[in-house]
Amino acid sequence: MGKNIVASIRAKLLTGLVVTVPVVATVVALRFLLRNLDALLGPWISDLIGRSVPGLGLLATILLVFIVGMAATNFAGRRLISVMERAFTSLPLVRRLYGASKDIVESATLSRRHVLRDVVMLEHPRRGEYSYGFVTSYTTRHGPDGPQRLANVFIPGPPVPTSGNLVAVPVEDLLYLDLSVDDALKLVLSLGITSPPELHGRAGGTSLEGGKTAPGIP
């Protein structure tokens, strides 16, 4: 009886954590972001107009980003941005910071469905253990034994999916799961709690029933 009560309390606490933590994290992140964006141009605008207006710095920052985006879509703007990038990349320390931040932003703004092409399962990190992965691209390795088709697979590390490993795996060693990218990401973020009771897939290159090429392989 006592064990059942403890188990029930534990289950409710875990459920509460799963619901509460994402909400709190989102609110804290938004608060931090809004405060910092408002502080970016807010003081300058306050000095310019002679008074402080909450939120005006945030609106000015969004407007500035929009103007830069408009400029980047025409020839003169692209030339100016190209000159600026060359100036940044000519300085050793600035080059690393600028390059890293640009890569992060470009990766974040790419469509997730185009970057993460297929959901797969592979034997990793050792025989008998399986990991979930996302195919990001394909390549062909040319060696003494002839060409071999490889899939670049990103294996996310829960609970932070951006921390993980990138491995090149022969397509025939992959199991292509009938699972959407969104559902697979939810599975990783939930530490497996949202895993479906059954997983179906196709062996790399051919269907388990034989004949069809696995989806996504060019």
Foldseek 3Di string as FASTA:
>chain_A
DVVVVVVVVVVVVVVCCVVPVVVVVVVVVVVVVQVVQLVPCQVVVCVVVVHGDPPPSNVVSVVVVVVLVVLCVDDVSVVVVVVVLVVQCVDVVSVVVVVVVVVVVVVVPDDPCQQFPFWKWAQPDHPPDIFIWTFRDWDWDQDPVGIFIWTFIWTADPLGGVDTDTDIHGQQRIWTWPDDPVQVNVCRNSVNPSPDPDIDTAGAQAGPVGDDHGPPDD
